[in-house]
């Protein structure tokens, strides 16, 4: 695709941004009404019931709004899906990103919607209602937090870096779990501080805003990575795999960091 065509697409996507922001924010308000720091669950059955109820309440607002905005865009229904989507435009959403945090009374949850075209994320909105934050990005037009531009950190020494990782999904394949534990062990030797938490998007927005320096993940879930991938890239960062190649939906693993730390992070994680 030539530069003029990319610019035309970016302008069309930018015209969608306000509507997508409203849709995601409206869904986020539904979850905020259901949220309390006193929220607790006592067993697996109540946990799953609360998660399902949050998903349904948010999706009932989010999906119709996005379908009205762009009726020709296909819908990715699989919140744990991985790999390429295929030709055309798709909505990749998470109606309750970090749902498990919400139902345990933690504010680290949100709603995300990302437009993916030809397997490339081109527009995203991440609303974090309990934190009062809305992150937005359109490919080629930068990343913003509450309307103000954000940039990744300028740190260049991995030994001084704050880095994070997390599970892609519960019940990971044993081989993925082994790679995850091995990667944490390696990174503990290389970085200043290492955290492991979920969801990925909550860590990735911190990389985009420059508050932390890198995030990596073994295992892939589209809905947990595409929003953060676009935000970090538009904030001036590097989104790659452990070989140092640009990350795609077909990649086996994921790294988001700044340009200076990219090679060092990839070298630590290379298999």
C-alpha atoms as a PDB file:
ATOM      1  CA  UNK A   1       0.000   0.000   0.000  1.00  0.00           C
ATOM      2  CA  UNK A   2       1.407   3.410  -0.951  1.00  0.00           C
ATOM      3  CA  UNK A   3       1.796   6.396   1.377  1.00  0.00           C
ATOM      4  CA  UNK A   4      -1.260   8.214  -0.010  1.00  0.00           C
ATOM      5  CA  UNK A   5      -3.462   5.197   0.606  1.00  0.00           C
ATOM      6  CA  UNK A   6      -2.137   4.824   4.144  1.00  0.00           C
ATOM      7  CA  UNK A   7      -2.868   8.494   4.806  1.00  0.00           C
ATOM      8  CA  UNK A   8      -6.392   8.126   3.447  1.00  0.00           C
ATOM      9  CA  UNK A   9      -7.021   5.137   5.719  1.00  0.00           C
ATOM     10  CA  UNK A  10      -5.591   6.993   8.718  1.00  0.00           C
ATOM     11  CA  UNK A  11      -7.900   9.943   8.104  1.00  0.00           C
ATOM     12  CA  UNK A  12     -10.904   7.627   7.858  1.00  0.00           C
ATOM     13  CA  UNK A  13      -9.876   5.865  11.060  1.00  0.00           C
ATOM     14  CA  UNK A  14      -9.341   9.170  12.841  1.00  0.00           C
ATOM     15  CA  UNK A  15     -12.895  10.162  11.891  1.00  0.00           C
ATOM     16  CA  UNK A  16     -14.102   7.003  13.684  1.00  0.00           C
ATOM     17  CA  UNK A  17     -12.129   7.683  16.839  1.00  0.00           C
ATOM     18  CA  UNK A  18     -14.635   9.909  18.659  1.00  0.00           C
ATOM     19  CA  UNK A  19     -17.428   7.408  18.134  1.00  0.00           C
ATOM     20  CA  UNK A  20     -15.304   4.474  19.255  1.00  0.00           C
ATOM     21  CA  UNK A  21     -14.199   6.436  22.311  1.00  0.00           C
ATOM     22  CA  UNK A  22     -17.822   7.098  23.237  1.00  0.00           C
ATOM     23  CA  UNK A  23     -18.747   3.433  22.764  1.00  0.00           C
ATOM     24  CA  UNK A  24     -15.872   2.156  24.873  1.00  0.00           C
ATOM     25  CA  UNK A  25     -16.401   4.808  27.551  1.00  0.00           C
ATOM     26  CA  UNK A  26     -20.145   4.063  27.751  1.00  0.00           C
ATOM     27  CA  UNK A  27     -19.384   0.357  28.238  1.00  0.00           C
ATOM     28  CA  UNK A  28     -16.825   1.303  30.858  1.00  0.00           C
ATOM     29  CA  UNK A  29     -19.418   3.295  32.783  1.00  0.00           C
ATOM     30  CA  UNK A  30     -21.620   0.218  32.932  1.00  0.00           C
ATOM     31  CA  UNK A  31     -18.781  -1.688  34.575  1.00  0.00           C
ATOM     32  CA  UNK A  32     -17.986   1.235  36.872  1.00  0.00           C
ATOM     33  CA  UNK A  33     -21.558   1.147  38.184  1.00  0.00           C
ATOM     34  CA  UNK A  34     -21.003  -2.528  38.999  1.00  0.00           C
ATOM     35  CA  UNK A  35     -17.637  -1.906  40.666  1.00  0.00           C
ATOM     36  CA  UNK A  36     -16.725  -1.450  44.301  1.00  0.00           C
ATOM     37  CA  UNK A  37     -13.451  -1.824  46.139  1.00  0.00           C
ATOM     38  CA  UNK A  38     -15.503  -4.045  48.460  1.00  0.00           C
ATOM     39  CA  UNK A  39     -16.163  -6.523  45.643  1.00  0.00           C
ATOM     40  CA  UNK A  40     -15.173 -10.067  46.582  1.00  0.00           C
ATOM     41  CA  UNK A  41     -15.876 -13.601  45.381  1.00  0.00           C
ATOM     42  CA  UNK A  42     -15.674 -16.696  47.560  1.00  0.00           C
ATOM     43  CA  UNK A  43     -15.308 -19.645  45.195  1.00  0.00           C
ATOM     44  CA  UNK A  44     -14.831 -20.636  41.571  1.00  0.00           C
ATOM     45  CA  UNK A  45     -18.561 -20.711  40.813  1.00  0.00           C
ATOM     46  CA  UNK A  46     -19.178 -17.173  42.075  1.00  0.00           C
ATOM     47  CA  UNK A  47     -16.023 -15.972  40.305  1.00  0.00           C
ATOM     48  CA  UNK A  48     -17.154 -17.325  36.934  1.00  0.00           C
ATOM     49  CA  UNK A  49     -20.692 -16.007  37.438  1.00  0.00           C
ATOM     50  CA  UNK A  50     -19.445 -12.512  38.221  1.00  0.00           C
ATOM     51  CA  UNK A  51     -17.074 -12.546  35.236  1.00  0.00           C
ATOM     52  CA  UNK A  52     -19.857 -13.664  32.877  1.00  0.00           C
ATOM     53  CA  UNK A  53     -22.244 -11.021  34.215  1.00  0.00           C
ATOM     54  CA  UNK A  54     -19.697  -8.237  33.702  1.00  0.00           C
ATOM     55  CA  UNK A  55     -18.918  -9.404  30.167  1.00  0.00           C
ATOM     56  CA  UNK A  56     -22.593  -9.527  29.231  1.00  0.00           C
ATOM     57  CA  UNK A  57     -23.442  -6.122  30.699  1.00  0.00           C
ATOM     58  CA  UNK A  58     -20.537  -4.353  28.985  1.00  0.00           C
ATOM     59  CA  UNK A  59     -20.851  -6.162  25.644  1.00  0.00           C
ATOM     60  CA  UNK A  60     -24.549  -5.264  25.476  1.00  0.00           C
ATOM     61  CA  UNK A  61     -23.467  -1.621  25.184  1.00  0.00           C
ATOM     62  CA  UNK A  62     -20.172  -1.977  23.316  1.00  0.00           C
ATOM     63  CA  UNK A  63     -21.017  -4.282  20.432  1.00  0.00           C
ATOM     64  CA  UNK A  64     -24.180  -2.559  19.133  1.00  0.00           C
ATOM     65  CA  UNK A  65     -22.447   0.825  19.291  1.00  0.00           C
ATOM     66  CA  UNK A  66     -19.456  -0.364  17.268  1.00  0.00           C
ATOM     67  CA  UNK A  67     -21.680  -2.154  14.776  1.00  0.00           C
ATOM     68  CA  UNK A  68     -23.617   1.070  14.198  1.00  0.00           C
ATOM     69  CA  UNK A  69     -20.384   2.984  13.646  1.00  0.00           C
ATOM     70  CA  UNK A  70     -18.908   0.506  11.170  1.00  0.00           C
ATOM     71  CA  UNK A  71     -21.473  -2.082  10.044  1.00  0.00           C
ATOM     72  CA  UNK A  72     -19.131  -3.647   7.483  1.00  0.00           C
ATOM     73  CA  UNK A  73     -16.393  -4.471   9.997  1.00  0.00           C
ATOM     74  CA  UNK A  74     -16.336  -8.106  11.061  1.00  0.00           C
ATOM     75  CA  UNK A  75     -16.356  -9.139  14.724  1.00  0.00           C
ATOM     76  CA  UNK A  76     -13.738 -11.287  16.456  1.00  0.00           C
ATOM     77  CA  UNK A  77     -15.831 -13.232  18.950  1.00  0.00           C
ATOM     78  CA  UNK A  78     -13.017 -15.235  20.550  1.00  0.00           C
ATOM     79  CA  UNK A  79     -11.597 -13.415  23.602  1.00  0.00           C
ATOM     80  CA  UNK A  80      -8.906 -16.095  23.871  1.00  0.00           C
ATOM     81  CA  UNK A  81      -8.245 -16.287  20.127  1.00  0.00           C
ATOM     82  CA  UNK A  82      -4.735 -16.174  18.728  1.00  0.00           C
ATOM     83  CA  UNK A  83      -3.090 -16.023  15.338  1.00  0.00           C
ATOM     84  CA  UNK A  84      -4.069 -14.103  12.238  1.00  0.00           C
ATOM     85  CA  UNK A  85      -7.604 -12.956  11.516  1.00  0.00           C
ATOM     86  CA  UNK A  86      -7.346 -12.853   7.744  1.00  0.00           C
ATOM     87  CA  UNK A  87      -8.312 -10.278   5.106  1.00  0.00           C
ATOM     88  CA  UNK A  88     -10.473  -7.267   5.778  1.00  0.00           C
ATOM     89  CA  UNK A  89     -11.331  -5.225   8.840  1.00  0.00           C
ATOM     90  CA  UNK A  90     -12.152  -6.667  12.264  1.00  0.00           C
ATOM     91  CA  UNK A  91     -13.129  -5.399  15.687  1.00  0.00           C
ATOM     92  CA  UNK A  92     -11.013  -7.039  18.388  1.00  0.00           C
ATOM     93  CA  UNK A  93     -12.500  -6.127  21.750  1.00  0.00           C
ATOM     94  CA  UNK A  94     -12.485  -7.031  25.397  1.00  0.00           C
ATOM     95  CA  UNK A  95     -15.666  -5.854  27.063  1.00  0.00           C
ATOM     96  CA  UNK A  96     -14.150  -6.407  30.514  1.00  0.00           C
ATOM     97  CA  UNK A  97     -10.355  -6.469  30.256  1.00  0.00           C
ATOM     98  CA  UNK A  98      -8.985  -7.448  33.657  1.00  0.00           C
ATOM     99  CA  UNK A  99     -12.414  -8.764  34.675  1.00  0.00           C
ATOM    100  CA  UNK A 100     -10.853 -10.885  37.419  1.00  0.00           C
ATOM    101  CA  UNK A 101      -9.479  -7.711  39.013  1.00  0.00           C
ATOM    102  CA  UNK A 102     -12.880  -6.007  38.838  1.00  0.00           C
ATOM    103  CA  UNK A 103     -14.636  -8.809  40.694  1.00  0.00           C
ATOM    104  CA  UNK A 104     -11.949  -8.763  43.401  1.00  0.00           C
ATOM    105  CA  UNK A 105     -12.265  -5.015  44.025  1.00  0.00           C
ATOM    106  CA  UNK A 106      -9.064  -3.903  42.256  1.00  0.00           C
ATOM    107  CA  UNK A 107      -9.224  -0.874  39.918  1.00  0.00           C
ATOM    108  CA  UNK A 108      -6.981  -2.491  37.286  1.00  0.00           C
ATOM    109  CA  UNK A 109      -9.628  -3.271  34.652  1.00  0.00           C
ATOM    110  CA  UNK A 110     -11.093  -1.627  31.598  1.00  0.00           C
ATOM    111  CA  UNK A 111     -12.752  -1.898  28.205  1.00  0.00           C
ATOM    112  CA  UNK A 112     -10.869  -2.087  24.918  1.00  0.00           C
ATOM    113  CA  UNK A 113     -11.780  -1.893  21.244  1.00  0.00           C
ATOM    114  CA  UNK A 114      -9.236  -2.172  18.449  1.00  0.00           C
ATOM    115  CA  UNK A 115      -9.820  -1.963  14.716  1.00  0.00           C
ATOM    116  CA  UNK A 116      -7.557  -4.440  12.931  1.00  0.00           C
ATOM    117  CA  UNK A 117      -7.196  -4.140   9.154  1.00  0.00           C
ATOM    118  CA  UNK A 118      -5.347  -6.784   7.119  1.00  0.00           C
ATOM    119  CA  UNK A 119      -4.032  -8.164  10.436  1.00  0.00           C
ATOM    120  CA  UNK A 120      -2.569  -4.808  11.504  1.00  0.00           C
ATOM    121  CA  UNK A 121      -4.061  -2.807  14.428  1.00  0.00           C
ATOM    122  CA  UNK A 122      -4.918   0.669  13.132  1.00  0.00           C
ATOM    123  CA  UNK A 123      -7.159   2.261  15.800  1.00  0.00           C
ATOM    124  CA  UNK A 124      -7.618   1.576  19.472  1.00  0.00           C
ATOM    125  CA  UNK A 125      -9.376   2.914  22.549  1.00  0.00           C
ATOM    126  CA  UNK A 126      -8.623   1.654  26.049  1.00  0.00           C
ATOM    127  CA  UNK A 127     -10.840   3.032  28.820  1.00  0.00           C
ATOM    128  CA  UNK A 128      -9.840   2.479  32.444  1.00  0.00           C
ATOM    129  CA  UNK A 129     -12.836   3.970  34.256  1.00  0.00           C
ATOM    130  CA  UNK A 130     -11.762   3.286  37.837  1.00  0.00           C
ATOM    131  CA  UNK A 131      -8.492   5.111  37.100  1.00  0.00           C
ATOM    132  CA  UNK A 132     -10.075   7.961  35.119  1.00  0.00           C
ATOM    133  CA  UNK A 133      -7.950   7.195  32.039  1.00  0.00           C
ATOM    134  CA  UNK A 134      -8.714   6.820  28.342  1.00  0.00           C
ATOM    135  CA  UNK A 135      -5.868   5.856  26.001  1.00  0.00           C
ATOM    136  CA  UNK A 136      -6.329   6.303  22.257  1.00  0.00           C
ATOM    137  CA  UNK A 137      -4.236   5.765  19.144  1.00  0.00           C
ATOM    138  CA  UNK A 138      -4.653   5.839  15.370  1.00  0.00           C
ATOM    139  CA  UNK A 139      -1.902   4.359  13.236  1.00  0.00           C
ATOM    140  CA  UNK A 140       0.439   7.109  12.097  1.00  0.00           C
ATOM    141  CA  UNK A 141      -1.123   9.740  14.373  1.00  0.00           C
ATOM    142  CA  UNK A 142       0.419   9.089  17.781  1.00  0.00           C
ATOM    143  CA  UNK A 143      -0.852   7.822  21.134  1.00  0.00           C
ATOM    144  CA  UNK A 144      -2.732   9.851  23.712  1.00  0.00           C
ATOM    145  CA  UNK A 145      -3.872   9.665  27.321  1.00  0.00           C
ATOM    146  CA  UNK A 146      -6.966  11.756  28.065  1.00  0.00           C
ATOM    147  CA  UNK A 147      -6.205  13.704  24.886  1.00  0.00           C
ATOM    148  CA  UNK A 148      -2.561  14.458  25.671  1.00  0.00           C
ATOM    149  CA  UNK A 149       0.338  12.829  23.765  1.00  0.00           C
ATOM    150  CA  UNK A 150       2.318  10.086  25.488  1.00  0.00           C
ATOM    151  CA  UNK A 151       5.756   8.685  24.704  1.00  0.00           C
ATOM    152  CA  UNK A 152       7.713   5.660  25.803  1.00  0.00           C
ATOM    153  CA  UNK A 153      10.636   5.999  28.189  1.00  0.00           C
ATOM    154  CA  UNK A 154      14.106   6.972  27.049  1.00  0.00           C
ATOM    155  CA  UNK A 155      15.879   4.424  29.224  1.00  0.00           C
ATOM    156  CA  UNK A 156      18.708   2.556  27.485  1.00  0.00           C
ATOM    157  CA  UNK A 157      20.110   0.262  30.217  1.00  0.00           C
ATOM    158  CA  UNK A 158      18.165  -2.921  30.884  1.00  0.00           C
ATOM    159  CA  UNK A 159      19.828  -3.145  34.280  1.00  0.00           C
ATOM    160  CA  UNK A 160      17.926   0.030  35.225  1.00  0.00           C
ATOM    161  CA  UNK A 161      14.621  -0.976  33.613  1.00  0.00           C
ATOM    162  CA  UNK A 162      11.217  -1.765  35.091  1.00  0.00           C
ATOM    163  CA  UNK A 163       9.760  -4.646  33.106  1.00  0.00           C
ATOM    164  CA  UNK A 164       6.690  -6.845  33.327  1.00  0.00           C
ATOM    165  CA  UNK A 165       5.021  -9.974  32.012  1.00  0.00           C
ATOM    166  CA  UNK A 166       1.900 -12.009  32.639  1.00  0.00           C
ATOM    167  CA  UNK A 167      -0.208 -14.988  31.694  1.00  0.00           C
ATOM    168  CA  UNK A 168      -1.870 -14.816  28.306  1.00  0.00           C
ATOM    169  CA  UNK A 169      -4.802 -16.854  29.668  1.00  0.00           C
ATOM    170  CA  UNK A 170      -5.660 -19.294  32.459  1.00  0.00           C
ATOM    171  CA  UNK A 171      -4.793 -22.906  31.830  1.00  0.00           C
ATOM    172  CA  UNK A 172      -1.846 -22.224  29.552  1.00  0.00           C
ATOM    173  CA  UNK A 173      -0.224 -25.109  27.735  1.00  0.00           C
ATOM    174  CA  UNK A 174       2.576 -26.601  29.887  1.00  0.00           C
ATOM    175  CA  UNK A 175       5.172 -25.713  27.256  1.00  0.00           C
ATOM    176  CA  UNK A 176       4.076 -22.052  27.386  1.00  0.00           C
ATOM    177  CA  UNK A 177       4.214 -22.094  31.192  1.00  0.00           C
ATOM    178  CA  UNK A 178       7.752 -23.448  31.086  1.00  0.00           C
ATOM    179  CA  UNK A 179       8.829 -20.731  28.648  1.00  0.00           C
ATOM    180  CA  UNK A 180       7.183 -18.135  30.874  1.00  0.00           C
ATOM    181  CA  UNK A 181       8.958 -19.284  34.037  1.00  0.00           C
ATOM    182  CA  UNK A 182      12.277 -19.542  32.211  1.00  0.00           C
ATOM    183  CA  UNK A 183      11.870 -16.059  30.754  1.00  0.00           C
ATOM    184  CA  UNK A 184      11.127 -14.580  34.181  1.00  0.00           C
ATOM    185  CA  UNK A 185      14.219 -16.223  35.598  1.00  0.00           C
ATOM    186  CA  UNK A 186      16.364 -14.773  32.806  1.00  0.00           C
ATOM    187  CA  UNK A 187      14.855 -11.331  33.158  1.00  0.00           C
ATOM    188  CA  UNK A 188      15.403 -11.313  36.929  1.00  0.00           C
ATOM    189  CA  UNK A 189      19.114 -11.520  36.159  1.00  0.00           C
ATOM    190  CA  UNK A 190      18.960  -8.710  33.595  1.00  0.00           C
ATOM    191  CA  UNK A 191      16.472  -6.033  34.666  1.00  0.00           C
ATOM    192  CA  UNK A 192      16.106  -3.867  37.748  1.00  0.00           C
ATOM    193  CA  UNK A 193      12.567  -4.928  38.678  1.00  0.00           C
ATOM    194  CA  UNK A 194      10.289  -7.607  37.211  1.00  0.00           C
ATOM    195  CA  UNK A 195       6.538  -7.830  37.767  1.00  0.00           C
ATOM    196  CA  UNK A 196       4.068 -10.499  36.701  1.00  0.00           C
ATOM    197  CA  UNK A 197       0.405  -9.565  36.614  1.00  0.00           C
ATOM    198  CA  UNK A 198      -2.682  -9.388  34.427  1.00  0.00           C
ATOM    199  CA  UNK A 199      -4.109  -8.079  32.209  1.00  0.00           C
ATOM    200  CA  UNK A 200      -1.473  -7.345  29.576  1.00  0.00           C
ATOM    201  CA  UNK A 201      -3.210  -4.173  28.432  1.00  0.00           C
ATOM    202  CA  UNK A 202      -2.837  -2.549  31.855  1.00  0.00           C
ATOM    203  CA  UNK A 203       0.914  -3.131  31.666  1.00  0.00           C
ATOM    204  CA  UNK A 204       1.182  -2.058  28.035  1.00  0.00           C
ATOM    205  CA  UNK A 205      -0.435   1.324  28.602  1.00  0.00           C
ATOM    206  CA  UNK A 206       2.223   1.966  31.235  1.00  0.00           C
ATOM    207  CA  UNK A 207       4.927   1.194  28.681  1.00  0.00           C
ATOM    208  CA  UNK A 208       3.258   3.550  26.181  1.00  0.00           C
ATOM    209  CA  UNK A 209       3.108   6.302  28.810  1.00  0.00           C
ATOM    210  CA  UNK A 210       6.760   5.810  29.802  1.00  0.00           C
ATOM    211  CA  UNK A 211       6.033   4.745  33.383  1.00  0.00           C
ATOM    212  CA  UNK A 212       7.560   1.302  32.826  1.00  0.00           C
ATOM    213  CA  UNK A 213      10.129   0.291  30.252  1.00  0.00           C
ATOM    214  CA  UNK A 214       9.181  -3.073  28.755  1.00  0.00           C
ATOM    215  CA  UNK A 215       6.588  -5.814  28.666  1.00  0.00           C
ATOM    216  CA  UNK A 216       6.870  -9.303  27.230  1.00  0.00           C
ATOM    217  CA  UNK A 217       4.564 -12.259  26.990  1.00  0.00           C
ATOM    218  CA  UNK A 218       4.877 -15.914  26.125  1.00  0.00           C
ATOM    219  CA  UNK A 219       1.718 -17.168  24.473  1.00  0.00           C
ATOM    220  CA  UNK A 220      -0.622 -15.048  22.418  1.00  0.00           C
ATOM    221  CA  UNK A 221      -4.172 -13.778  22.893  1.00  0.00           C
ATOM    222  CA  UNK A 222      -5.186 -11.193  20.302  1.00  0.00           C
ATOM    223  CA  UNK A 223      -7.555  -9.234  22.515  1.00  0.00           C
ATOM    224  CA  UNK A 224      -4.868  -8.786  25.167  1.00  0.00           C
ATOM    225  CA  UNK A 225      -2.141  -7.500  22.854  1.00  0.00           C
ATOM    226  CA  UNK A 226      -3.456  -5.575  19.846  1.00  0.00           C
ATOM    227  CA  UNK A 227      -4.536  -2.456  21.756  1.00  0.00           C
ATOM    228  CA  UNK A 228      -1.264  -2.168  23.654  1.00  0.00           C
ATOM    229  CA  UNK A 229       0.785  -2.993  20.566  1.00  0.00           C
ATOM    230  CA  UNK A 230      -0.656  -0.017  18.696  1.00  0.00           C
ATOM    231  CA  UNK A 231      -0.379   2.327  21.686  1.00  0.00           C
ATOM    232  CA  UNK A 232       3.285   1.466  22.286  1.00  0.00           C
ATOM    233  CA  UNK A 233       4.167   1.733  18.592  1.00  0.00           C
ATOM    234  CA  UNK A 234       2.412   5.105  18.280  1.00  0.00           C
ATOM    235  CA  UNK A 235       4.153   6.302  21.449  1.00  0.00           C
ATOM    236  CA  UNK A 236       7.474   5.752  19.690  1.00  0.00           C
ATOM    237  CA  UNK A 237       8.222   2.287  20.987  1.00  0.00           C
ATOM    238  CA  UNK A 238       9.319  -1.022  19.518  1.00  0.00           C
ATOM    239  CA  UNK A 239       6.872  -3.918  19.217  1.00  0.00           C
ATOM    240  CA  UNK A 240       8.851  -7.015  18.288  1.00  0.00           C
ATOM    241  CA  UNK A 241       9.260 -10.722  18.992  1.00  0.00           C
ATOM    242  CA  UNK A 242      12.173 -12.456  20.685  1.00  0.00           C
ATOM    243  CA  UNK A 243      14.037 -12.731  17.370  1.00  0.00           C
ATOM    244  CA  UNK A 244      13.984  -8.937  17.085  1.00  0.00           C
ATOM    245  CA  UNK A 245      11.595  -9.046  14.123  1.00  0.00           C
ATOM    246  CA  UNK A 246       8.498  -6.830  14.053  1.00  0.00           C
ATOM    247  CA  UNK A 247       5.643  -8.450  15.957  1.00  0.00           C
ATOM    248  CA  UNK A 248       2.633  -9.686  14.011  1.00  0.00           C
ATOM    249  CA  UNK A 249      -0.450 -11.675  14.899  1.00  0.00           C
ATOM    250  CA  UNK A 250       1.432 -14.746  13.701  1.00  0.00           C
ATOM    251  CA  UNK A 251       4.356 -14.244  16.105  1.00  0.00           C
ATOM    252  CA  UNK A 252       5.097 -16.834  18.795  1.00  0.00           C
ATOM    253  CA  UNK A 253       5.849 -14.275  21.499  1.00  0.00           C
ATOM    254  CA  UNK A 254       5.589 -10.533  22.154  1.00  0.00           C
ATOM    255  CA  UNK A 255       7.809  -7.693  23.348  1.00  0.00           C
ATOM    256  CA  UNK A 256       6.862  -4.022  23.730  1.00  0.00           C
ATOM    257  CA  UNK A 257       9.504  -1.555  24.860  1.00  0.00           C
ATOM    258  CA  UNK A 258      11.375   1.532  23.696  1.00  0.00           C
ATOM    259  CA  UNK A 259      13.698   1.535  20.714  1.00  0.00           C
ATOM    260  CA  UNK A 260      16.868   1.576  22.818  1.00  0.00           C
ATOM    261  CA  UNK A 261      15.960  -1.421  24.958  1.00  0.00           C
ATOM    262  CA  UNK A 262      14.489  -3.576  22.217  1.00  0.00           C
ATOM    263  CA  UNK A 263      17.643  -5.492  21.252  1.00  0.00           C
ATOM    264  CA  UNK A 264      18.627  -6.137  24.864  1.00  0.00           C
ATOM    265  CA  UNK A 265      15.179  -7.400  25.862  1.00  0.00           C
ATOM    266  CA  UNK A 266      15.005  -9.645  22.812  1.00  0.00           C
ATOM    267  CA  UNK A 267      18.481 -11.040  23.517  1.00  0.00           C
ATOM    268  CA  UNK A 268      17.482 -12.022  27.072  1.00  0.00           C
ATOM    269  CA  UNK A 269      14.309 -13.732  25.861  1.00  0.00           C
ATOM    270  CA  UNK A 270      15.670 -15.409  22.725  1.00  0.00           C
ATOM    271  CA  UNK A 271      15.148 -19.163  22.871  1.00  0.00           C
END
